[in-house]
Amino acid sequence: MTSPSQAAIAGAETPDPDGVGLTTEPVGREGSKDQQVGRSPGQLMWMRFKRDRTGVISACVVLSMFAVAAFAPVISWLYGKDPWTRYGQLEEGLLNDNGYPIKPNGGIDAEHWFGLEPGLGRDVFMQLVYGMRTSLSLAVVITILSVLLAIVIGVAGGYMGGKTDYFLGRITDLMMSFPNQLFFVAFVPVIGALMVDPQDEMPTWLRACVLIFVMWLLGWMTLARLLRGQVLTLREREFIEAAKVAGTPPWRIIRKELLPNVVTPILVQSTYMLPNFVTAVAGLSFLGVGMQNSTPDWGRMFATGAEVYQSDITYMIFPGVAMVIFIVAFNLLGDSVRDAFDPKSGR
């Protein structure tokens, strides 16, 4: 016999007050439960993410930086300056005989909001904006290519198994054995020398393609191994076995059954990969094997700041603060996305 409290919780039929019959009206907490009926996992994830203030603030910061990078030409037009003109050399009274800004704090004033670059006299604010555009553009392209290759190799190896999994696994292990940073520094000039005569300057577009190729070549292995482990677990599940018994082609099983179930690790790992690529691109430019001085880039700004910090520390502050804010915000965003998909892993 069911007690009234049990009937209320279960939403079962309860006696009418007059004792005439039974009523099926929901009581207890059924009203609140009905509000969650029909919500997809994506909607539940979005609800959890919106309740995470850290994640929302981080997302706003990241989106703001991407917006600044995307609309850099518009900002340049509104600001009235560009990152290539040497204002300090064209206008008198901006740089001293040693090439340093005459005005205090690196030449910050109403005309040049972040001051002037020592030596060449270019506007620091536009250098920072276009440098953000360069670094983020390269990092986004590298991340997309690395994720696509990781999906192909990780999912194919995990689902096919056997010799295919063994072969792809050995390739992954081989690529992971290379020290990434040293390989970047050594390999970028070699590829450039194969394509362009050492006496000629490499075009900017070709240098960007070389950077993308080298970093993509060594940037997909971690995600591929993660996806392989996920797929090895999923392929033993009942719904995959049922699809095989029903005669579903393997490509359709991968596309319809496996990929939707590995979206979470793909998104979370992507949010960690992109800031790593941003710092890697900046590091290569800092070491002189990335983008050259004619192209605005965060790494080139750090290289210049390292040369002049004793006389003009202000120049180093702006790219340093911008990169720290971006990296921290993106990492916090990745943690929030992970927690939104998997509440049990909450911080």
C-alpha atoms as a PDB file:
ATOM      1  CA  MET A   1       0.000   0.000   0.000  1.00  0.00           C
ATOM      2  CA  THR A   2       1.356   3.405  -1.055  1.00  0.00           C
ATOM      3  CA  SER A   3       1.488   6.175   1.548  1.00  0.00           C
ATOM      4  CA  PRO A   4       0.196   9.694   0.700  1.00  0.00           C
ATOM      5  CA  SER A   5       3.736  11.099   0.767  1.00  0.00           C
ATOM      6  CA  GLN A   6       4.973   8.437  -1.623  1.00  0.00           C
ATOM      7  CA  ALA A   7       2.059   9.056  -3.909  1.00  0.00           C
ATOM      8  CA  ALA A   8       2.773  12.781  -3.927  1.00  0.00           C
ATOM      9  CA  ILE A   9       6.446  12.321  -4.783  1.00  0.00           C
ATOM     10  CA  ALA A  10       5.764   9.771  -7.481  1.00  0.00           C
ATOM     11  CA  GLY A  11       2.889  11.793  -8.941  1.00  0.00           C
ATOM     12  CA  ALA A  12       0.582   8.834  -8.511  1.00  0.00           C
ATOM     13  CA  GLU A  13      -3.182   8.998  -8.314  1.00  0.00           C
ATOM     14  CA  THR A  14      -4.406  10.395  -4.986  1.00  0.00           C
ATOM     15  CA  PRO A  15      -7.838  10.141  -3.409  1.00  0.00           C
ATOM     16  CA  ASP A  16     -10.283  12.945  -4.091  1.00  0.00           C
ATOM     17  CA  PRO A  17     -11.171  15.003  -0.970  1.00  0.00           C
ATOM     18  CA  ASP A  18     -14.795  13.909  -1.274  1.00  0.00           C
ATOM     19  CA  GLY A  19     -13.725  10.299  -1.547  1.00  0.00           C
ATOM     20  CA  VAL A  20     -15.645   9.948  -4.784  1.00  0.00           C
ATOM     21  CA  GLY A  21     -12.812   8.975  -7.087  1.00  0.00           C
ATOM     22  CA  LEU A  22      -9.210   9.466  -7.959  1.00  0.00           C
ATOM     23  CA  THR A  23      -7.464  12.535  -9.340  1.00  0.00           C
ATOM     24  CA  THR A  24      -4.309  12.597 -11.442  1.00  0.00           C
ATOM     25  CA  GLU A  25      -3.323  16.234 -10.797  1.00  0.00           C
ATOM     26  CA  PRO A  26       0.457  16.614 -10.151  1.00  0.00           C
ATOM     27  CA  VAL A  27       1.320  17.456  -6.581  1.00  0.00           C
ATOM     28  CA  GLY A  28       4.519  18.015  -4.669  1.00  0.00           C
ATOM     29  CA  ARG A  29       7.444  18.986  -6.898  1.00  0.00           C
ATOM     30  CA  GLU A  30       6.017  17.766 -10.158  1.00  0.00           C
ATOM     31  CA  GLY A  31       5.490  21.337 -11.390  1.00  0.00           C
ATOM     32  CA  SER A  32       9.189  22.117 -11.145  1.00  0.00           C
ATOM     33  CA  LYS A  33      10.109  18.786 -12.726  1.00  0.00           C
ATOM     34  CA  ASP A  34       7.880  19.443 -15.722  1.00  0.00           C
ATOM     35  CA  GLN A  35       9.887  22.595 -16.481  1.00  0.00           C
ATOM     36  CA  GLN A  36      12.986  20.476 -17.189  1.00  0.00           C
ATOM     37  CA  VAL A  37      11.268  18.006 -19.483  1.00  0.00           C
ATOM     38  CA  GLY A  38      12.499  18.152 -23.065  1.00  0.00           C
ATOM     39  CA  ARG A  39      15.736  20.025 -22.441  1.00  0.00           C
ATOM     40  CA  SER A  40      18.646  18.799 -24.509  1.00  0.00           C
ATOM     41  CA  PRO A  41      22.129  18.219 -23.057  1.00  0.00           C
ATOM     42  CA  GLY A  42      23.253  21.372 -24.838  1.00  0.00           C
ATOM     43  CA  GLN A  43      20.549  23.439 -23.128  1.00  0.00           C
ATOM     44  CA  LEU A  44      21.461  22.001 -19.731  1.00  0.00           C
ATOM     45  CA  MET A  45      25.124  22.752 -20.387  1.00  0.00           C
ATOM     46  CA  TRP A  46      24.254  26.342 -21.339  1.00  0.00           C
ATOM     47  CA  MET A  47      22.210  26.775 -18.151  1.00  0.00           C
ATOM     48  CA  ARG A  48      25.094  25.550 -16.000  1.00  0.00           C
ATOM     49  CA  PHE A  49      27.559  27.743 -17.864  1.00  0.00           C
ATOM     50  CA  LYS A  50      25.445  30.883 -17.368  1.00  0.00           C
ATOM     51  CA  ARG A  51      25.441  30.295 -13.622  1.00  0.00           C
ATOM     52  CA  ASP A  52      29.258  30.258 -13.569  1.00  0.00           C
ATOM     53  CA  ARG A  53      30.273  33.908 -13.168  1.00  0.00           C
ATOM     54  CA  THR A  54      33.940  33.159 -13.735  1.00  0.00           C
ATOM     55  CA  GLY A  55      33.160  31.454 -17.017  1.00  0.00           C
ATOM     56  CA  VAL A  56      30.882  34.251 -18.217  1.00  0.00           C
ATOM     57  CA  ILE A  57      33.426  36.957 -17.390  1.00  0.00           C
ATOM     58  CA  SER A  58      36.210  34.956 -19.039  1.00  0.00           C
ATOM     59  CA  ALA A  59      34.073  34.430 -22.137  1.00  0.00           C
ATOM     60  CA  CYS A  60      33.391  38.173 -22.342  1.00  0.00           C
ATOM     61  CA  VAL A  61      37.116  38.948 -22.079  1.00  0.00           C
ATOM     62  CA  VAL A  62      38.028  36.386 -24.738  1.00  0.00           C
ATOM     63  CA  LEU A  63      35.283  37.515 -27.106  1.00  0.00           C
ATOM     64  CA  SER A  64      36.303  41.149 -26.606  1.00  0.00           C
ATOM     65  CA  MET A  65      39.887  40.368 -27.599  1.00  0.00           C
ATOM     66  CA  PHE A  66      38.746  38.448 -30.650  1.00  0.00           C
ATOM     67  CA  ALA A  67      36.489  41.359 -31.591  1.00  0.00           C
ATOM     68  CA  VAL A  68      39.387  43.806 -31.265  1.00  0.00           C
ATOM     69  CA  ALA A  69      41.545  41.564 -33.449  1.00  0.00           C
ATOM     70  CA  ALA A  70      38.804  41.121 -36.050  1.00  0.00           C
ATOM     71  CA  PHE A  71      38.025  44.839 -36.277  1.00  0.00           C
ATOM     72  CA  ALA A  72      41.636  46.041 -36.168  1.00  0.00           C
ATOM     73  CA  PRO A  73      41.313  47.928 -39.507  1.00  0.00           C
ATOM     74  CA  VAL A  74      38.203  49.708 -38.233  1.00  0.00           C
ATOM     75  CA  ILE A  75      39.969  50.638 -34.990  1.00  0.00           C
ATOM     76  CA  SER A  76      42.925  51.915 -37.019  1.00  0.00           C
ATOM     77  CA  TRP A  77      40.613  54.065 -39.126  1.00  0.00           C
ATOM     78  CA  LEU A  78      38.851  55.511 -36.095  1.00  0.00           C
ATOM     79  CA  TYR A  79      42.122  56.028 -34.213  1.00  0.00           C
ATOM     80  CA  GLY A  80      43.784  57.696 -37.188  1.00  0.00           C
ATOM     81  CA  LYS A  81      47.022  55.708 -36.900  1.00  0.00           C
ATOM     82  CA  ASP A  82      48.464  52.499 -38.329  1.00  0.00           C
ATOM     83  CA  PRO A  83      51.076  50.046 -37.021  1.00  0.00           C
ATOM     84  CA  TRP A  84      53.622  50.622 -39.814  1.00  0.00           C
ATOM     85  CA  THR A  85      54.119  54.395 -40.020  1.00  0.00           C
ATOM     86  CA  ARG A  86      57.201  55.631 -38.150  1.00  0.00           C
ATOM     87  CA  TYR A  87      55.629  58.648 -36.479  1.00  0.00           C
ATOM     88  CA  GLY A  88      58.605  59.260 -34.217  1.00  0.00           C
ATOM     89  CA  GLN A  89      60.912  59.703 -37.203  1.00  0.00           C
ATOM     90  CA  LEU A  90      58.477  61.720 -39.287  1.00  0.00           C
ATOM     91  CA  GLU A  91      57.489  64.217 -36.585  1.00  0.00           C
ATOM     92  CA  GLU A  92      59.983  66.247 -34.618  1.00  0.00           C
ATOM     93  CA  GLY A  93      59.913  66.324 -30.837  1.00  0.00           C
ATOM     94  CA  LEU A  94      58.769  62.733 -30.309  1.00  0.00           C
ATOM     95  CA  LEU A  95      62.082  60.828 -30.081  1.00  0.00           C
ATOM     96  CA  ASN A  96      65.419  61.953 -28.676  1.00  0.00           C
ATOM     97  CA  ASP A  97      68.818  61.414 -30.290  1.00  0.00           C
ATOM     98  CA  ASN A  98      69.003  57.876 -28.851  1.00  0.00           C
ATOM     99  CA  GLY A  99      65.635  56.921 -30.344  1.00  0.00           C
ATOM    100  CA  TYR A 100      63.660  56.890 -27.085  1.00  0.00           C
ATOM    101  CA  PRO A 101      60.409  58.834 -26.566  1.00  0.00           C
ATOM    102  CA  ILE A 102      60.973  62.299 -25.169  1.00  0.00           C
ATOM    103  CA  LYS A 103      57.677  62.450 -23.300  1.00  0.00           C
ATOM    104  CA  PRO A 104      57.370  60.494 -20.024  1.00  0.00           C
ATOM    105  CA  ASN A 105      55.954  56.956 -19.765  1.00  0.00           C
ATOM    106  CA  GLY A 106      57.095  55.919 -23.210  1.00  0.00           C
ATOM    107  CA  GLY A 107      55.572  58.908 -24.977  1.00  0.00           C
ATOM    108  CA  ILE A 108      51.994  58.364 -23.834  1.00  0.00           C
ATOM    109  CA  ASP A 109      49.780  61.334 -24.729  1.00  0.00           C
ATOM    110  CA  ALA A 110      46.466  62.157 -26.392  1.00  0.00           C
ATOM    111  CA  GLU A 111      47.865  61.375 -29.850  1.00  0.00           C
ATOM    112  CA  HIS A 112      49.558  58.101 -28.966  1.00  0.00           C
ATOM    113  CA  TRP A 113      47.558  56.377 -26.232  1.00  0.00           C
ATOM    114  CA  PHE A 114      50.132  53.697 -25.414  1.00  0.00           C
ATOM    115  CA  GLY A 115      53.198  55.671 -26.439  1.00  0.00           C
ATOM    116  CA  LEU A 116      55.775  55.136 -29.190  1.00  0.00           C
ATOM    117  CA  GLU A 117      58.045  52.243 -30.033  1.00  0.00           C
ATOM    118  CA  PRO A 118      61.683  53.072 -29.193  1.00  0.00           C
ATOM    119  CA  GLY A 119      63.873  53.326 -32.270  1.00  0.00           C
ATOM    120  CA  LEU A 120      61.331  53.209 -35.085  1.00  0.00           C
ATOM    121  CA  GLY A 121      58.727  55.427 -33.419  1.00  0.00           C
ATOM    122  CA  ARG A 122      55.669  53.376 -34.403  1.00  0.00           C
ATOM    123  CA  ASP A 123      52.432  53.669 -32.457  1.00  0.00           C
ATOM    124  CA  VAL A 124      52.335  51.083 -29.642  1.00  0.00           C
ATOM    125  CA  PHE A 125      48.546  50.888 -29.449  1.00  0.00           C
ATOM    126  CA  MET A 126      48.201  49.908 -33.102  1.00  0.00           C
ATOM    127  CA  GLN A 127      51.174  47.550 -32.778  1.00  0.00           C
ATOM    128  CA  LEU A 128      49.343  45.829 -29.927  1.00  0.00           C
ATOM    129  CA  VAL A 129      46.013  45.611 -31.775  1.00  0.00           C
ATOM    130  CA  TYR A 130      47.490  44.274 -35.005  1.00  0.00           C
ATOM    131  CA  GLY A 131      49.857  42.029 -33.059  1.00  0.00           C
ATOM    132  CA  MET A 132      46.802  40.534 -31.362  1.00  0.00           C
ATOM    133  CA  ARG A 133      45.264  40.035 -34.790  1.00  0.00           C
ATOM    134  CA  THR A 134      48.352  38.208 -36.072  1.00  0.00           C
ATOM    135  CA  SER A 135      48.826  35.961 -33.046  1.00  0.00           C
ATOM    136  CA  LEU A 136      45.159  35.019 -32.664  1.00  0.00           C
ATOM    137  CA  SER A 137      44.683  34.389 -36.391  1.00  0.00           C
ATOM    138  CA  LEU A 138      47.624  31.995 -36.538  1.00  0.00           C
ATOM    139  CA  ALA A 139      46.598  30.259 -33.311  1.00  0.00           C
ATOM    140  CA  VAL A 140      42.990  29.768 -34.468  1.00  0.00           C
ATOM    141  CA  VAL A 141      44.044  28.253 -37.802  1.00  0.00           C
ATOM    142  CA  ILE A 142      46.568  25.932 -36.121  1.00  0.00           C
ATOM    143  CA  THR A 143      43.994  24.861 -33.512  1.00  0.00           C
ATOM    144  CA  ILE A 144      41.335  24.056 -36.122  1.00  0.00           C
ATOM    145  CA  LEU A 145      43.731  22.012 -38.249  1.00  0.00           C
ATOM    146  CA  SER A 146      45.119  20.174 -35.212  1.00  0.00           C
ATOM    147  CA  VAL A 147      41.645  19.329 -33.910  1.00  0.00           C
ATOM    148  CA  LEU A 148      40.515  18.014 -37.306  1.00  0.00           C
ATOM    149  CA  LEU A 149      43.576  15.787 -37.671  1.00  0.00           C
ATOM    150  CA  ALA A 150      43.247  14.579 -34.080  1.00  0.00           C
ATOM    151  CA  ILE A 151      39.605  13.628 -34.681  1.00  0.00           C
ATOM    152  CA  VAL A 152      40.474  11.650 -37.801  1.00  0.00           C
ATOM    153  CA  ILE A 153      43.399   9.758 -36.269  1.00  0.00           C
ATOM    154  CA  GLY A 154      41.990   9.317 -32.756  1.00  0.00           C
ATOM    155  CA  VAL A 155      38.492   8.225 -33.754  1.00  0.00           C
ATOM    156  CA  ALA A 156      39.688   6.032 -36.636  1.00  0.00           C
ATOM    157  CA  GLY A 157      42.278   4.264 -34.493  1.00  0.00           C
ATOM    158  CA  GLY A 158      39.926   3.763 -31.571  1.00  0.00           C
ATOM    159  CA  TYR A 159      37.032   2.446 -33.650  1.00  0.00           C
ATOM    160  CA  MET A 160      38.892   0.341 -36.215  1.00  0.00           C
ATOM    161  CA  GLY A 161      41.280  -1.283 -33.740  1.00  0.00           C
ATOM    162  CA  GLY A 162      43.687  -3.991 -34.812  1.00  0.00           C
ATOM    163  CA  LYS A 163      46.491  -3.082 -37.202  1.00  0.00           C
ATOM    164  CA  THR A 164      44.980   0.315 -37.959  1.00  0.00           C
ATOM    165  CA  ASP A 165      45.014   1.272 -34.297  1.00  0.00           C
ATOM    166  CA  TYR A 166      48.554  -0.091 -33.890  1.00  0.00           C
ATOM    167  CA  PHE A 167      49.864   1.816 -36.906  1.00  0.00           C
ATOM    168  CA  LEU A 168      48.214   5.121 -35.962  1.00  0.00           C
ATOM    169  CA  GLY A 169      49.273   4.684 -32.342  1.00  0.00           C
ATOM    170  CA  ARG A 170      52.933   4.246 -33.330  1.00  0.00           C
ATOM    171  CA  ILE A 171      52.766   7.378 -35.496  1.00  0.00           C
ATOM    172  CA  THR A 172      51.313   9.291 -32.580  1.00  0.00           C
ATOM    173  CA  ASP A 173      54.021   8.030 -30.236  1.00  0.00           C
ATOM    174  CA  LEU A 174      56.712   8.960 -32.754  1.00  0.00           C
ATOM    175  CA  MET A 175      55.424  12.507 -33.141  1.00  0.00           C
ATOM    176  CA  MET A 176      55.123  12.929 -29.386  1.00  0.00           C
ATOM    177  CA  SER A 177      58.786  11.991 -28.980  1.00  0.00           C
ATOM    178  CA  PHE A 178      59.901  15.223 -30.656  1.00  0.00           C
ATOM    179  CA  PRO A 179      60.622  18.149 -28.291  1.00  0.00           C
ATOM    180  CA  ASN A 180      58.143  20.666 -29.612  1.00  0.00           C
ATOM    181  CA  GLN A 181      59.832  23.980 -28.867  1.00  0.00           C
ATOM    182  CA  LEU A 182      63.263  22.869 -30.052  1.00  0.00           C
ATOM    183  CA  PHE A 183      61.749  21.317 -33.152  1.00  0.00           C
ATOM    184  CA  PHE A 184      59.873  24.555 -33.913  1.00  0.00           C
ATOM    185  CA  VAL A 185      63.034  26.619 -33.612  1.00  0.00           C
ATOM    186  CA  ALA A 186      65.109  24.236 -35.749  1.00  0.00           C
ATOM    187  CA  PHE A 187      62.548  23.279 -38.384  1.00  0.00           C
ATOM    188  CA  VAL A 188      61.013  26.656 -39.319  1.00  0.00           C
ATOM    189  CA  PRO A 189      64.254  28.093 -40.809  1.00  0.00           C
ATOM    190  CA  VAL A 190      64.959  24.810 -42.630  1.00  0.00           C
ATOM    191  CA  ILE A 191      61.583  24.803 -44.381  1.00  0.00           C
ATOM    192  CA  GLY A 192      61.989  28.486 -45.187  1.00  0.00           C
ATOM    193  CA  ALA A 193      65.407  27.879 -46.745  1.00  0.00           C
ATOM    194  CA  LEU A 194      63.960  25.093 -48.924  1.00  0.00           C
ATOM    195  CA  MET A 195      61.333  27.432 -50.345  1.00  0.00           C
ATOM    196  CA  VAL A 196      63.155  30.776 -50.561  1.00  0.00           C
ATOM    197  CA  ASP A 197      66.742  31.661 -51.385  1.00  0.00           C
ATOM    198  CA  PRO A 198      68.561  32.495 -48.117  1.00  0.00           C
ATOM    199  CA  GLN A 199      69.614  35.832 -49.612  1.00  0.00           C
ATOM    200  CA  ASP A 200      65.984  36.838 -50.191  1.00  0.00           C
ATOM    201  CA  GLU A 201      63.495  37.773 -47.521  1.00  0.00           C
ATOM    202  CA  MET A 202      60.679  35.280 -47.051  1.00  0.00           C
ATOM    203  CA  PRO A 203      57.229  36.754 -47.827  1.00  0.00           C
ATOM    204  CA  THR A 204      54.973  37.251 -44.823  1.00  0.00           C
ATOM    205  CA  TRP A 205      52.283  34.889 -46.130  1.00  0.00           C
ATOM    206  CA  LEU A 206      54.829  32.128 -46.708  1.00  0.00           C
ATOM    207  CA  ARG A 207      56.332  32.574 -43.238  1.00  0.00           C
ATOM    208  CA  ALA A 208      52.835  32.340 -41.740  1.00  0.00           C
ATOM    209  CA  CYS A 209      52.164  29.142 -43.715  1.00  0.00           C
ATOM    210  CA  VAL A 210      55.447  27.626 -42.507  1.00  0.00           C
ATOM    211  CA  LEU A 211      54.572  28.437 -38.896  1.00  0.00           C
ATOM    212  CA  ILE A 212      51.108  26.920 -39.309  1.00  0.00           C
ATOM    213  CA  PHE A 213      52.477  23.754 -40.926  1.00  0.00           C
ATOM    214  CA  VAL A 214      55.204  23.132 -38.348  1.00  0.00           C
ATOM    215  CA  MET A 215      52.991  23.786 -35.319  1.00  0.00           C
ATOM    216  CA  TRP A 216      50.106  21.795 -36.776  1.00  0.00           C
ATOM    217  CA  LEU A 217      52.467  18.889 -37.432  1.00  0.00           C
ATOM    218  CA  LEU A 218      53.297  18.629 -33.724  1.00  0.00           C
ATOM    219  CA  GLY A 219      50.103  19.911 -32.148  1.00  0.00           C
ATOM    220  CA  TRP A 220      47.467  17.193 -32.574  1.00  0.00           C
ATOM    221  CA  MET A 221      48.831  14.167 -30.655  1.00  0.00           C
ATOM    222  CA  THR A 222      47.465  14.857 -27.157  1.00  0.00           C
ATOM    223  CA  LEU A 223      43.890  15.252 -28.353  1.00  0.00           C
ATOM    224  CA  ALA A 224      44.206  12.239 -30.655  1.00  0.00           C
ATOM    225  CA  ARG A 225      45.227   9.965 -27.767  1.00  0.00           C
ATOM    226  CA  LEU A 226      42.432  11.345 -25.621  1.00  0.00           C
ATOM    227  CA  LEU A 227      39.830  10.689 -28.323  1.00  0.00           C
ATOM    228  CA  ARG A 228      41.201   7.217 -28.949  1.00  0.00           C
ATOM    229  CA  GLY A 229      40.680   6.318 -25.302  1.00  0.00           C
ATOM    230  CA  GLN A 230      37.140   7.706 -25.353  1.00  0.00           C
ATOM    231  CA  VAL A 231      36.241   5.794 -28.523  1.00  0.00           C
ATOM    232  CA  LEU A 232      37.709   2.538 -27.195  1.00  0.00           C
ATOM    233  CA  THR A 233      35.236   2.790 -24.325  1.00  0.00           C
ATOM    234  CA  LEU A 234      32.283   3.867 -26.454  1.00  0.00           C
ATOM    235  CA  ARG A 235      32.628   1.157 -29.111  1.00  0.00           C
ATOM    236  CA  GLU A 236      31.821  -1.514 -26.511  1.00  0.00           C
ATOM    237  CA  ARG A 237      28.553   0.161 -25.524  1.00  0.00           C
ATOM    238  CA  GLU A 238      25.193  -1.370 -26.386  1.00  0.00           C
ATOM    239  CA  PHE A 239      24.067   1.324 -28.833  1.00  0.00           C
ATOM    240  CA  ILE A 240      27.213   0.834 -30.935  1.00  0.00           C
ATOM    241  CA  GLU A 241      26.749  -2.937 -30.947  1.00  0.00           C
ATOM    242  CA  ALA A 242      23.114  -2.468 -31.928  1.00  0.00           C
ATOM    243  CA  ALA A 243      24.133  -0.217 -34.826  1.00  0.00           C
ATOM    244  CA  LYS A 244      26.620  -2.832 -36.036  1.00  0.00           C
ATOM    245  CA  VAL A 245      24.014  -5.604 -35.829  1.00  0.00           C
ATOM    246  CA  ALA A 246      21.590  -3.444 -37.806  1.00  0.00           C
ATOM    247  CA  GLY A 247      24.139  -3.238 -40.625  1.00  0.00           C
ATOM    248  CA  THR A 248      24.949   0.461 -40.234  1.00  0.00           C
ATOM    249  CA  PRO A 249      28.065   1.429 -42.235  1.00  0.00           C
ATOM    250  CA  PRO A 250      31.127   2.283 -40.119  1.00  0.00           C
ATOM    251  CA  TRP A 251      31.326   5.888 -41.376  1.00  0.00           C
ATOM    252  CA  ARG A 252      27.723   6.443 -40.313  1.00  0.00           C
ATOM    253  CA  ILE A 253      28.346   4.936 -36.872  1.00  0.00           C
ATOM    254  CA  ILE A 254      31.307   7.266 -36.418  1.00  0.00           C
ATOM    255  CA  ARG A 255      29.379  10.307 -37.631  1.00  0.00           C
ATOM    256  CA  LYS A 256      26.069   9.659 -35.906  1.00  0.00           C
ATOM    257  CA  GLU A 257      27.002   7.714 -32.768  1.00  0.00           C
ATOM    258  CA  LEU A 258      30.621   8.332 -31.814  1.00  0.00           C
ATOM    259  CA  LEU A 259      31.335  11.962 -32.716  1.00  0.00           C
ATOM    260  CA  PRO A 260      28.372  13.412 -30.759  1.00  0.00           C
ATOM    261  CA  ASN A 261      29.660  11.595 -27.679  1.00  0.00           C
ATOM    262  CA  VAL A 262      33.189  13.039 -27.894  1.00  0.00           C
ATOM    263  CA  VAL A 263      32.194  16.668 -28.356  1.00  0.00           C
ATOM    264  CA  THR A 264      32.963  17.453 -24.714  1.00  0.00           C
ATOM    265  CA  PRO A 265      36.661  16.470 -24.737  1.00  0.00           C
ATOM    266  CA  ILE A 266      37.097  18.147 -28.123  1.00  0.00           C
ATOM    267  CA  LEU A 267      35.737  21.487 -26.919  1.00  0.00           C
ATOM    268  CA  VAL A 268      37.535  21.394 -23.587  1.00  0.00           C
ATOM    269  CA  GLN A 269      40.877  20.408 -25.072  1.00  0.00           C
ATOM    270  CA  SER A 270      40.522  23.056 -27.792  1.00  0.00           C
ATOM    271  CA  THR A 271      40.210  25.765 -25.161  1.00  0.00           C
ATOM    272  CA  TYR A 272      43.544  24.621 -23.746  1.00  0.00           C
ATOM    273  CA  MET A 273      45.270  24.207 -27.108  1.00  0.00           C
ATOM    274  CA  LEU A 274      44.549  27.675 -28.481  1.00  0.00           C
ATOM    275  CA  PRO A 275      46.296  29.714 -25.744  1.00  0.00           C
ATOM    276  CA  ASN A 276      49.226  27.305 -25.916  1.00  0.00           C
ATOM    277  CA  PHE A 277      49.550  28.023 -29.619  1.00  0.00           C
ATOM    278  CA  VAL A 278      49.323  31.772 -28.953  1.00  0.00           C
ATOM    279  CA  THR A 279      52.284  31.599 -26.587  1.00  0.00           C
ATOM    280  CA  ALA A 280      54.171  29.295 -28.975  1.00  0.00           C
ATOM    281  CA  VAL A 281      53.734  31.700 -31.902  1.00  0.00           C
ATOM    282  CA  ALA A 282      54.837  34.603 -29.719  1.00  0.00           C
ATOM    283  CA  GLY A 283      57.815  32.595 -28.469  1.00  0.00           C
ATOM    284  CA  LEU A 284      59.001  31.808 -31.998  1.00  0.00           C
ATOM    285  CA  SER A 285      58.730  35.467 -32.981  1.00  0.00           C
ATOM    286  CA  PHE A 286      60.623  36.426 -29.845  1.00  0.00           C
ATOM    287  CA  LEU A 287      63.434  34.037 -30.803  1.00  0.00           C
ATOM    288  CA  GLY A 288      63.573  35.456 -34.322  1.00  0.00           C
ATOM    289  CA  VAL A 289      62.225  32.460 -36.262  1.00  0.00           C
ATOM    290  CA  GLY A 290      58.575  33.560 -36.338  1.00  0.00           C
ATOM    291  CA  MET A 291      57.083  36.703 -37.821  1.00  0.00           C
ATOM    292  CA  GLN A 292      59.583  39.380 -38.767  1.00  0.00           C
ATOM    293  CA  ASN A 293      59.805  42.957 -37.521  1.00  0.00           C
ATOM    294  CA  SER A 294      57.764  44.341 -40.416  1.00  0.00           C
ATOM    295  CA  THR A 295      54.710  42.346 -39.235  1.00  0.00           C
ATOM    296  CA  PRO A 296      53.058  43.421 -35.957  1.00  0.00           C
ATOM    297  CA  ASP A 297      53.216  40.516 -33.544  1.00  0.00           C
ATOM    298  CA  TRP A 298      53.169  40.053 -29.772  1.00  0.00           C
ATOM    299  CA  GLY A 299      56.422  38.100 -29.871  1.00  0.00           C
ATOM    300  CA  ARG A 300      58.229  40.856 -31.790  1.00  0.00           C
ATOM    301  CA  MET A 301      56.986  43.373 -29.238  1.00  0.00           C
ATOM    302  CA  PHE A 302      58.453  41.229 -26.444  1.00  0.00           C
ATOM    303  CA  ALA A 303      61.754  41.017 -28.341  1.00  0.00           C
ATOM    304  CA  THR A 304      61.909  44.786 -28.719  1.00  0.00           C
ATOM    305  CA  GLY A 305      60.881  45.281 -25.098  1.00  0.00           C
ATOM    306  CA  ALA A 306      63.691  42.987 -23.946  1.00  0.00           C
ATOM    307  CA  GLU A 307      66.178  45.263 -25.703  1.00  0.00           C
ATOM    308  CA  VAL A 308      64.893  48.582 -24.356  1.00  0.00           C
ATOM    309  CA  TYR A 309      63.382  47.710 -20.969  1.00  0.00           C
ATOM    310  CA  GLN A 310      66.185  49.413 -19.035  1.00  0.00           C
ATOM    311  CA  SER A 311      65.412  52.755 -20.673  1.00  0.00           C
ATOM    312  CA  ASP A 312      61.697  52.345 -21.481  1.00  0.00           C
ATOM    313  CA  ILE A 313      59.944  49.773 -19.299  1.00  0.00           C
ATOM    314  CA  THR A 314      56.528  51.056 -20.407  1.00  0.00           C
ATOM    315  CA  TYR A 315      56.839  49.431 -23.828  1.00  0.00           C
ATOM    316  CA  MET A 316      57.003  45.952 -22.263  1.00  0.00           C
ATOM    317  CA  ILE A 317      53.951  46.436 -20.033  1.00  0.00           C
ATOM    318  CA  PHE A 318      51.183  46.570 -22.641  1.00  0.00           C
ATOM    319  CA  PRO A 319      51.889  43.342 -24.600  1.00  0.00           C
ATOM    320  CA  GLY A 320      52.732  41.532 -21.363  1.00  0.00           C
ATOM    321  CA  VAL A 321      49.480  42.505 -19.641  1.00  0.00           C
ATOM    322  CA  ALA A 322      47.427  41.733 -22.769  1.00  0.00           C
ATOM    323  CA  MET A 323      48.899  38.247 -23.145  1.00  0.00           C
ATOM    324  CA  VAL A 324      48.531  37.404 -19.449  1.00  0.00           C
ATOM    325  CA  ILE A 325      44.879  38.488 -19.474  1.00  0.00           C
ATOM    326  CA  PHE A 326      44.149  36.468 -22.604  1.00  0.00           C
ATOM    327  CA  ILE A 327      45.878  33.280 -21.401  1.00  0.00           C
ATOM    328  CA  VAL A 328      44.298  33.390 -17.938  1.00  0.00           C
ATOM    329  CA  ALA A 329      40.828  34.171 -19.327  1.00  0.00           C
ATOM    330  CA  PHE A 330      41.011  31.360 -21.884  1.00  0.00           C
ATOM    331  CA  ASN A 331      42.188  28.810 -19.328  1.00  0.00           C
ATOM    332  CA  LEU A 332      39.394  29.804 -16.941  1.00  0.00           C
ATOM    333  CA  LEU A 333      36.950  29.555 -19.832  1.00  0.00           C
ATOM    334  CA  GLY A 334      38.166  26.033 -20.538  1.00  0.00           C
ATOM    335  CA  ASP A 335      37.613  25.035 -16.905  1.00  0.00           C
ATOM    336  CA  SER A 336      34.103  26.500 -16.982  1.00  0.00           C
ATOM    337  CA  VAL A 337      33.222  24.689 -20.209  1.00  0.00           C
ATOM    338  CA  ARG A 338      34.455  21.418 -18.713  1.00  0.00           C
ATOM    339  CA  ASP A 339      32.392  21.954 -15.560  1.00  0.00           C
ATOM    340  CA  ALA A 340      29.303  22.860 -17.605  1.00  0.00           C
ATOM    341  CA  PHE A 341      29.516  19.616 -19.577  1.00  0.00           C
ATOM    342  CA  ASP A 342      30.449  17.487 -16.560  1.00  0.00           C
ATOM    343  CA  PRO A 343      29.124  18.969 -13.264  1.00  0.00           C
ATOM    344  CA  LYS A 344      30.797  16.164 -11.271  1.00  0.00           C
ATOM    345  CA  SER A 345      34.212  17.557 -12.212  1.00  0.00           C
ATOM    346  CA  GLY A 346      33.414  20.979 -10.720  1.00  0.00           C
ATOM    347  CA  ARG A 347      36.160  22.991  -9.064  1.00  0.00           C
END
